[in-house]
PDB file of N, CA and C in Angstrom:
ATOM      1  N   UNK A   1       0.841  -1.187   0.000  1.00  0.00           N
ATOM      2  CA  UNK A   1       0.000   0.000   0.000  1.00  0.00           C
ATOM      3  C   UNK A   1       0.885   1.250   0.000  1.00  0.00           C
ATOM      4  N   UNK A   2       0.394   2.305  -0.611  1.00  0.00           N
ATOM      5  CA  UNK A   2       1.169   3.524  -0.769  1.00  0.00           C
ATOM      6  C   UNK A   2       1.557   4.171   0.554  1.00  0.00           C
ATOM      7  N   UNK A   3       0.787   3.978   1.588  1.00  0.00           N
ATOM      8  CA  UNK A   3       1.068   4.626   2.879  1.00  0.00           C
ATOM      9  C   UNK A   3       2.414   4.184   3.468  1.00  0.00           C
ATOM     10  N   UNK A   4       2.875   3.010   3.096  1.00  0.00           N
ATOM     11  CA  UNK A   4       4.171   2.540   3.595  1.00  0.00           C
ATOM     12  C   UNK A   4       5.310   3.412   3.095  1.00  0.00           C
ATOM     13  N   UNK A   5       5.087   4.090   1.972  1.00  0.00           N
ATOM     14  CA  UNK A   5       6.113   4.943   1.372  1.00  0.00           C
ATOM     15  C   UNK A   5       6.001   6.405   1.806  1.00  0.00           C
ATOM     16  N   UNK A   6       4.972   6.740   2.560  1.00  0.00           N
ATOM     17  CA  UNK A   6       4.724   8.129   2.952  1.00  0.00           C
ATOM     18  C   UNK A   6       5.797   8.643   3.910  1.00  0.00           C
ATOM     19  N   UNK A   7       6.302   9.824   3.631  1.00  0.00           N
ATOM     20  CA  UNK A   7       7.341  10.427   4.471  1.00  0.00           C
ATOM     21  C   UNK A   7       6.801  10.943   5.799  1.00  0.00           C
ATOM     22  N   UNK A   8       5.504  11.085   5.912  1.00  0.00           N
ATOM     23  CA  UNK A   8       4.919  11.580   7.165  1.00  0.00           C
ATOM     24  C   UNK A   8       4.963  10.531   8.275  1.00  0.00           C
ATOM     25  N   UNK A   9       5.214   9.288   7.931  1.00  0.00           N
ATOM     26  CA  UNK A   9       5.211   8.204   8.916  1.00  0.00           C
ATOM     27  C   UNK A   9       6.114   8.468  10.112  1.00  0.00           C
ATOM     28  N   UNK A  10       7.228   9.095   9.902  1.00  0.00           N
ATOM     29  CA  UNK A  10       8.176   9.296  10.987  1.00  0.00           C
ATOM     30  C   UNK A  10       7.965  10.570  11.788  1.00  0.00           C
ATOM     31  N   UNK A  11       6.891  11.268  11.525  1.00  0.00           N
ATOM     32  CA  UNK A  11       6.632  12.547  12.194  1.00  0.00           C
ATOM     33  C   UNK A  11       5.412  12.431  13.105  1.00  0.00           C
ATOM     34  N   UNK A  12       5.363  13.242  14.162  1.00  0.00           N
ATOM     35  CA  UNK A  12       4.182  13.238  15.035  1.00  0.00           C
ATOM     36  C   UNK A  12       2.932  13.654  14.250  1.00  0.00           C
ATOM     37  N   UNK A  13       1.799  13.114  14.606  1.00  0.00           N
ATOM     38  CA  UNK A  13       0.541  13.418  13.913  1.00  0.00           C
ATOM     39  C   UNK A  13       0.225  14.905  13.931  1.00  0.00           C
ATOM     40  N   UNK A  14       0.618  15.607  15.002  1.00  0.00           N
ATOM     41  CA  UNK A  14       0.277  17.031  15.077  1.00  0.00           C
ATOM     42  C   UNK A  14       1.104  17.895  14.114  1.00  0.00           C
ATOM     43  N   UNK A  15       2.020  17.270  13.382  1.00  0.00           N
ATOM     44  CA  UNK A  15       2.711  17.976  12.306  1.00  0.00           C
ATOM     45  C   UNK A  15       1.750  18.228  11.157  1.00  0.00           C
ATOM     46  N   UNK A  16       0.779  17.330  10.973  1.00  0.00           N
ATOM     47  CA  UNK A  16      -0.153  17.391   9.852  1.00  0.00           C
ATOM     48  C   UNK A  16      -1.589  17.659  10.271  1.00  0.00           C
ATOM     49  N   UNK A  17      -1.906  17.399  11.508  1.00  0.00           N
ATOM     50  CA  UNK A  17      -3.269  17.573  12.005  1.00  0.00           C
ATOM     51  C   UNK A  17      -3.247  18.482  13.223  1.00  0.00           C
ATOM     52  N   UNK A  18      -3.842  19.662  13.072  1.00  0.00           N
ATOM     53  CA  UNK A  18      -3.841  20.655  14.140  1.00  0.00           C
ATOM     54  C   UNK A  18      -5.087  21.502  13.996  1.00  0.00           C
ATOM     55  N   UNK A  19      -5.478  22.118  15.083  1.00  0.00           N
ATOM     56  CA  UNK A  19      -6.686  22.936  15.068  1.00  0.00           C
ATOM     57  C   UNK A  19      -6.495  24.238  14.316  1.00  0.00           C
ATOM     58  N   UNK A  20      -7.574  24.746  13.798  1.00  0.00           N
ATOM     59  CA  UNK A  20      -7.534  26.010  13.082  1.00  0.00           C
ATOM     60  C   UNK A  20      -7.836  27.182  14.013  1.00  0.00           C
ATOM     61  N   UNK A  21      -7.968  26.913  15.314  1.00  0.00           N
ATOM     62  CA  UNK A  21      -8.299  27.976  16.257  1.00  0.00           C
ATOM     63  C   UNK A  21      -7.090  28.822  16.639  1.00  0.00           C
ATOM     64  N   UNK A  22      -5.935  28.532  16.075  1.00  0.00           N
ATOM     65  CA  UNK A  22      -4.725  29.316  16.352  1.00  0.00           C
ATOM     66  C   UNK A  22      -4.709  30.561  15.467  1.00  0.00           C
ATOM     67  N   UNK A  23      -3.772  31.441  15.726  1.00  0.00           N
ATOM     68  CA  UNK A  23      -3.665  32.654  14.905  1.00  0.00           C
ATOM     69  C   UNK A  23      -3.357  32.282  13.459  1.00  0.00           C
ATOM     70  N   UNK A  24      -3.647  33.203  12.571  1.00  0.00           N
ATOM     71  CA  UNK A  24      -3.411  32.965  11.139  1.00  0.00           C
ATOM     72  C   UNK A  24      -1.936  32.656  10.880  1.00  0.00           C
ATOM     73  N   UNK A  25      -1.053  33.427  11.512  1.00  0.00           N
ATOM     74  CA  UNK A  25       0.382  33.227  11.309  1.00  0.00           C
ATOM     75  C   UNK A  25       0.836  31.863  11.827  1.00  0.00           C
ATOM     76  N   UNK A  26       0.336  31.477  12.989  1.00  0.00           N
ATOM     77  CA  UNK A  26       0.702  30.168  13.549  1.00  0.00           C
ATOM     78  C   UNK A  26       0.179  29.044  12.667  1.00  0.00           C
ATOM     79  N   UNK A  27      -1.044  29.198  12.169  1.00  0.00           N
ATOM     80  CA  UNK A  27      -1.641  28.187  11.279  1.00  0.00           C
ATOM     81  C   UNK A  27      -0.797  28.048  10.009  1.00  0.00           C
ATOM     82  N   UNK A  28      -0.457  29.174   9.397  1.00  0.00           N
ATOM     83  CA  UNK A  28       0.326  29.133   8.162  1.00  0.00           C
ATOM     84  C   UNK A  28       1.715  28.542   8.390  1.00  0.00           C
ATOM     85  N   UNK A  29       2.299  28.815   9.544  1.00  0.00           N
ATOM     86  CA  UNK A  29       3.610  28.243   9.861  1.00  0.00           C
ATOM     87  C   UNK A  29       3.521  26.727   9.980  1.00  0.00           C
ATOM     88  N   UNK A  30       2.467  26.230  10.628  1.00  0.00           N
ATOM     89  CA  UNK A  30       2.282  24.775  10.761  1.00  0.00           C
ATOM     90  C   UNK A  30       2.058  24.142   9.383  1.00  0.00           C
ATOM     91  N   UNK A  31       1.263  24.787   8.550  1.00  0.00           N
ATOM     92  CA  UNK A  31       1.011  24.271   7.202  1.00  0.00           C
ATOM     93  C   UNK A  31       2.316  24.195   6.415  1.00  0.00           C
ATOM     94  N   UNK A  32       3.147  25.220   6.513  1.00  0.00           N
ATOM     95  CA  UNK A  32       4.416  25.239   5.769  1.00  0.00           C
ATOM     96  C   UNK A  32       5.348  24.110   6.200  1.00  0.00           C
ATOM     97  N   UNK A  33       5.387  23.815   7.487  1.00  0.00           N
ATOM     98  CA  UNK A  33       6.213  22.698   7.969  1.00  0.00           C
ATOM     99  C   UNK A  33       5.738  21.393   7.329  1.00  0.00           C
ATOM    100  N   UNK A  34       4.439  21.180   7.349  1.00  0.00           N
ATOM    101  CA  UNK A  34       3.878  19.961   6.752  1.00  0.00           C
ATOM    102  C   UNK A  34       4.140  19.927   5.248  1.00  0.00           C
ATOM    103  N   UNK A  35       3.970  21.050   4.582  1.00  0.00           N
ATOM    104  CA  UNK A  35       4.164  21.104   3.134  1.00  0.00           C
ATOM    105  C   UNK A  35       5.596  20.797   2.722  1.00  0.00           C
ATOM    106  N   UNK A  36       6.565  21.177   3.534  1.00  0.00           N
ATOM    107  CA  UNK A  36       7.968  20.860   3.218  1.00  0.00           C
ATOM    108  C   UNK A  36       8.177  19.352   3.140  1.00  0.00           C
ATOM    109  N   UNK A  37       7.504  18.634   3.999  1.00  0.00           N
ATOM    110  CA  UNK A  37       7.599  17.170   3.994  1.00  0.00           C
ATOM    111  C   UNK A  37       6.825  16.614   2.804  1.00  0.00           C
ATOM    112  N   UNK A  38       5.620  17.102   2.613  1.00  0.00           N
ATOM    113  CA  UNK A  38       4.768  16.618   1.521  1.00  0.00           C
ATOM    114  C   UNK A  38       5.384  16.879   0.147  1.00  0.00           C
ATOM    115  N   UNK A  39       6.064  18.017   0.008  1.00  0.00           N
ATOM    116  CA  UNK A  39       6.613  18.388  -1.300  1.00  0.00           C
ATOM    117  C   UNK A  39       7.678  17.424  -1.813  1.00  0.00           C
ATOM    118  N   UNK A  40       8.304  16.675  -0.924  1.00  0.00           N
ATOM    119  CA  UNK A  40       9.313  15.707  -1.376  1.00  0.00           C
ATOM    120  C   UNK A  40       8.831  14.263  -1.213  1.00  0.00           C
ATOM    121  N   UNK A  41       7.589  14.097  -0.830  1.00  0.00           N
ATOM    122  CA  UNK A  41       7.043  12.759  -0.595  1.00  0.00           C
ATOM    123  C   UNK A  41       6.676  12.080  -1.919  1.00  0.00           C
ATOM    124  N   UNK A  42       7.076  10.826  -2.097  1.00  0.00           N
ATOM    125  CA  UNK A  42       6.787  10.139  -3.356  1.00  0.00           C
ATOM    126  C   UNK A  42       5.321   9.748  -3.543  1.00  0.00           C
ATOM    127  N   UNK A  43       4.521   9.856  -2.500  1.00  0.00           N
ATOM    128  CA  UNK A  43       3.114   9.442  -2.613  1.00  0.00           C
ATOM    129  C   UNK A  43       2.148  10.588  -2.294  1.00  0.00           C
ATOM    130  N   UNK A  44       2.587  11.824  -2.516  1.00  0.00           N
ATOM    131  CA  UNK A  44       1.735  12.965  -2.178  1.00  0.00           C
ATOM    132  C   UNK A  44       0.454  13.008  -3.016  1.00  0.00           C
ATOM    133  N   UNK A  45       0.495  12.532  -4.243  1.00  0.00           N
ATOM    134  CA  UNK A  45      -0.716  12.521  -5.079  1.00  0.00           C
ATOM    135  C   UNK A  45      -1.760  11.588  -4.499  1.00  0.00           C
ATOM    136  N   UNK A  46      -1.349  10.402  -4.102  1.00  0.00           N
ATOM    137  CA  UNK A  46      -2.278   9.446  -3.493  1.00  0.00           C
ATOM    138  C   UNK A  46      -2.833   9.996  -2.186  1.00  0.00           C
ATOM    139  N   UNK A  47      -1.973  10.655  -1.430  1.00  0.00           N
ATOM    140  CA  UNK A  47      -2.375  11.251  -0.164  1.00  0.00           C
ATOM    141  C   UNK A  47      -3.410  12.359  -0.394  1.00  0.00           C
ATOM    142  N   UNK A  48      -3.172  13.204  -1.382  1.00  0.00           N
ATOM    143  CA  UNK A  48      -4.114  14.278  -1.685  1.00  0.00           C
ATOM    144  C   UNK A  48      -5.467  13.704  -2.094  1.00  0.00           C
ATOM    145  N   UNK A  49      -5.455  12.646  -2.882  1.00  0.00           N
ATOM    146  CA  UNK A  49      -6.725  12.014  -3.269  1.00  0.00           C
ATOM    147  C   UNK A  49      -7.502  11.581  -2.029  1.00  0.00           C
ATOM    148  N   UNK A  50      -6.820  10.986  -1.079  1.00  0.00           N
ATOM    149  CA  UNK A  50      -7.481  10.571   0.159  1.00  0.00           C
ATOM    150  C   UNK A  50      -7.960  11.793   0.939  1.00  0.00           C
ATOM    151  N   UNK A  51      -7.172  12.839   0.953  1.00  0.00           N
ATOM    152  CA  UNK A  51      -7.538  14.060   1.654  1.00  0.00           C
ATOM    153  C   UNK A  51      -8.727  14.782   1.047  1.00  0.00           C
ATOM    154  N   UNK A  52      -9.024  14.519  -0.212  1.00  0.00           N
ATOM    155  CA  UNK A  52     -10.166  15.150  -0.865  1.00  0.00           C
ATOM    156  C   UNK A  52     -11.477  14.427  -0.565  1.00  0.00           C
ATOM    157  N   UNK A  53     -11.396  13.258   0.019  1.00  0.00           N
ATOM    158  CA  UNK A  53     -12.623  12.548   0.373  1.00  0.00           C
ATOM    159  C   UNK A  53     -13.360  13.331   1.458  1.00  0.00           C
ATOM    160  N   UNK A  54     -14.655  13.302   1.405  1.00  0.00           N
ATOM    161  CA  UNK A  54     -15.470  14.157   2.266  1.00  0.00           C
ATOM    162  C   UNK A  54     -15.155  14.015   3.750  1.00  0.00           C
ATOM    163  N   UNK A  55     -14.832  12.838   4.203  1.00  0.00           N
ATOM    164  CA  UNK A  55     -14.551  12.640   5.630  1.00  0.00           C
ATOM    165  C   UNK A  55     -13.236  13.302   6.044  1.00  0.00           C
ATOM    166  N   UNK A  56     -12.340  13.531   5.097  1.00  0.00           N
ATOM    167  CA  UNK A  56     -11.019  14.071   5.406  1.00  0.00           C
ATOM    168  C   UNK A  56     -10.829  15.528   5.010  1.00  0.00           C
ATOM    169  N   UNK A  57     -11.725  16.071   4.221  1.00  0.00           N
ATOM    170  CA  UNK A  57     -11.484  17.372   3.593  1.00  0.00           C
ATOM    171  C   UNK A  57     -11.336  18.512   4.601  1.00  0.00           C
ATOM    172  N   UNK A  58     -11.955  18.404   5.754  1.00  0.00           N
ATOM    173  CA  UNK A  58     -11.932  19.492   6.727  1.00  0.00           C
ATOM    174  C   UNK A  58     -10.793  19.396   7.740  1.00  0.00           C
ATOM    175  N   UNK A  59      -9.933  18.395   7.616  1.00  0.00           N
ATOM    176  CA  UNK A  59      -8.921  18.170   8.647  1.00  0.00           C
ATOM    177  C   UNK A  59      -7.538  17.948   8.061  1.00  0.00           C
ATOM    178  N   UNK A  60      -6.559  18.621   8.605  1.00  0.00           N
ATOM    179  CA  UNK A  60      -5.164  18.322   8.337  1.00  0.00           C
ATOM    180  C   UNK A  60      -4.614  18.747   6.997  1.00  0.00           C
ATOM    181  N   UNK A  61      -3.336  18.470   6.834  1.00  0.00           N
ATOM    182  CA  UNK A  61      -2.627  18.684   5.571  1.00  0.00           C
ATOM    183  C   UNK A  61      -2.479  17.317   4.924  1.00  0.00           C
ATOM    184  N   UNK A  62      -2.983  17.194   3.730  1.00  0.00           N
ATOM    185  CA  UNK A  62      -2.927  15.945   2.956  1.00  0.00           C
ATOM    186  C   UNK A  62      -2.309  16.272   1.603  1.00  0.00           C
ATOM    187  N   UNK A  63      -1.284  15.556   1.209  1.00  0.00           N
ATOM    188  CA  UNK A  63      -0.676  15.769  -0.102  1.00  0.00           C
ATOM    189  C   UNK A  63      -0.167  17.189  -0.311  1.00  0.00           C
ATOM    190  N   UNK A  64       0.180  17.857   0.774  1.00  0.00           N
ATOM    191  CA  UNK A  64       0.721  19.206   0.685  1.00  0.00           C
ATOM    192  C   UNK A  64      -0.318  20.311   0.662  1.00  0.00           C
ATOM    193  N   UNK A  65      -1.584  19.969   0.805  1.00  0.00           N
ATOM    194  CA  UNK A  65      -2.643  20.984   0.784  1.00  0.00           C
ATOM    195  C   UNK A  65      -3.358  21.048   2.126  1.00  0.00           C
ATOM    196  N   UNK A  66      -3.556  22.259   2.609  1.00  0.00           N
ATOM    197  CA  UNK A  66      -4.294  22.451   3.851  1.00  0.00           C
ATOM    198  C   UNK A  66      -5.776  22.175   3.618  1.00  0.00           C
ATOM    199  N   UNK A  67      -6.507  22.029   4.700  1.00  0.00           N
ATOM    200  CA  UNK A  67      -7.952  21.795   4.570  1.00  0.00           C
ATOM    201  C   UNK A  67      -8.610  22.970   3.854  1.00  0.00           C
ATOM    202  N   UNK A  68      -8.173  24.173   4.137  1.00  0.00           N
ATOM    203  CA  UNK A  68      -8.752  25.353   3.475  1.00  0.00           C
ATOM    204  C   UNK A  68      -8.531  25.288   1.971  1.00  0.00           C
ATOM    205  N   UNK A  69      -7.329  24.907   1.550  1.00  0.00           N
ATOM    206  CA  UNK A  69      -7.030  24.807   0.121  1.00  0.00           C
ATOM    207  C   UNK A  69      -7.807  23.675  -0.546  1.00  0.00           C
ATOM    208  N   UNK A  70      -7.944  22.551   0.163  1.00  0.00           N
ATOM    209  CA  UNK A  70      -8.697  21.431  -0.414  1.00  0.00           C
ATOM    210  C   UNK A  70     -10.174  21.765  -0.559  1.00  0.00           C
ATOM    211  N   UNK A  71     -10.723  22.493   0.388  1.00  0.00           N
ATOM    212  CA  UNK A  71     -12.128  22.896   0.287  1.00  0.00           C
ATOM    213  C   UNK A  71     -12.317  23.825  -0.907  1.00  0.00           C
ATOM    214  N   UNK A  72     -11.387  24.761  -1.113  1.00  0.00           N
ATOM    215  CA  UNK A  72     -11.457  25.645  -2.289  1.00  0.00           C
ATOM    216  C   UNK A  72     -11.399  24.827  -3.571  1.00  0.00           C
ATOM    217  N   UNK A  73     -10.484  23.853  -3.622  1.00  0.00           N
ATOM    218  CA  UNK A  73     -10.351  23.007  -4.802  1.00  0.00           C
ATOM    219  C   UNK A  73     -11.637  22.223  -5.050  1.00  0.00           C
ATOM    220  N   UNK A  74     -12.227  21.691  -3.995  1.00  0.00           N
ATOM    221  CA  UNK A  74     -13.459  20.915  -4.115  1.00  0.00           C
ATOM    222  C   UNK A  74     -14.580  21.799  -4.651  1.00  0.00           C
ATOM    223  N   UNK A  75     -14.696  23.004  -4.120  1.00  0.00           N
ATOM    224  CA  UNK A  75     -15.753  23.916  -4.591  1.00  0.00           C
ATOM    225  C   UNK A  75     -15.552  24.267  -6.067  1.00  0.00           C
ATOM    226  N   UNK A  76     -14.311  24.515  -6.459  1.00  0.00           N
ATOM    227  CA  UNK A  76     -14.034  24.818  -7.869  1.00  0.00           C
ATOM    228  C   UNK A  76     -14.358  23.641  -8.776  1.00  0.00           C
ATOM    229  N   UNK A  77     -14.150  22.436  -8.275  1.00  0.00           N
ATOM    230  CA  UNK A  77     -14.431  21.256  -9.097  1.00  0.00           C
ATOM    231  C   UNK A  77     -15.931  21.062  -9.321  1.00  0.00           C
ATOM    232  N   UNK A  78     -16.741  21.689  -8.486  1.00  0.00           N
ATOM    233  CA  UNK A  78     -18.195  21.565  -8.603  1.00  0.00           C
ATOM    234  C   UNK A  78     -18.832  22.657  -9.469  1.00  0.00           C
ATOM    235  N   UNK A  79     -18.026  23.650  -9.871  1.00  0.00           N
ATOM    236  CA  UNK A  79     -18.534  24.732 -10.711  1.00  0.00           C
ATOM    237  C   UNK A  79     -18.760  24.192 -12.117  1.00  0.00           C
ATOM    238  N   UNK A  80     -19.935  24.457 -12.648  1.00  0.00           N
ATOM    239  CA  UNK A  80     -20.240  24.017 -14.023  1.00  0.00           C
ATOM    240  C   UNK A  80     -19.916  25.153 -14.983  1.00  0.00           C
ATOM    241  N   UNK A  81     -19.156  24.831 -15.992  1.00  0.00           N
ATOM    242  CA  UNK A  81     -18.769  25.851 -16.993  1.00  0.00           C
ATOM    243  C   UNK A  81     -19.695  25.797 -18.171  1.00  0.00           C
TER     244      UNK A  81
END
């Protein structure tokens, strides 16, 4: 399974999953730390796909995208042209 190759395995869960009740700057700093790991991860695409599932979309950094970014992406994907 792809998760065995994920670089996040060796990091504490709170590196990728944290509350949004912190200040904007603190939130963005946490997201950037997670994104540095995700950006070099060989399975970030698979991770992002899982993060786009409805149960996961509101929580954490998946495949290098924050929940806020994934929600924006999901909304854009629902726009009919």
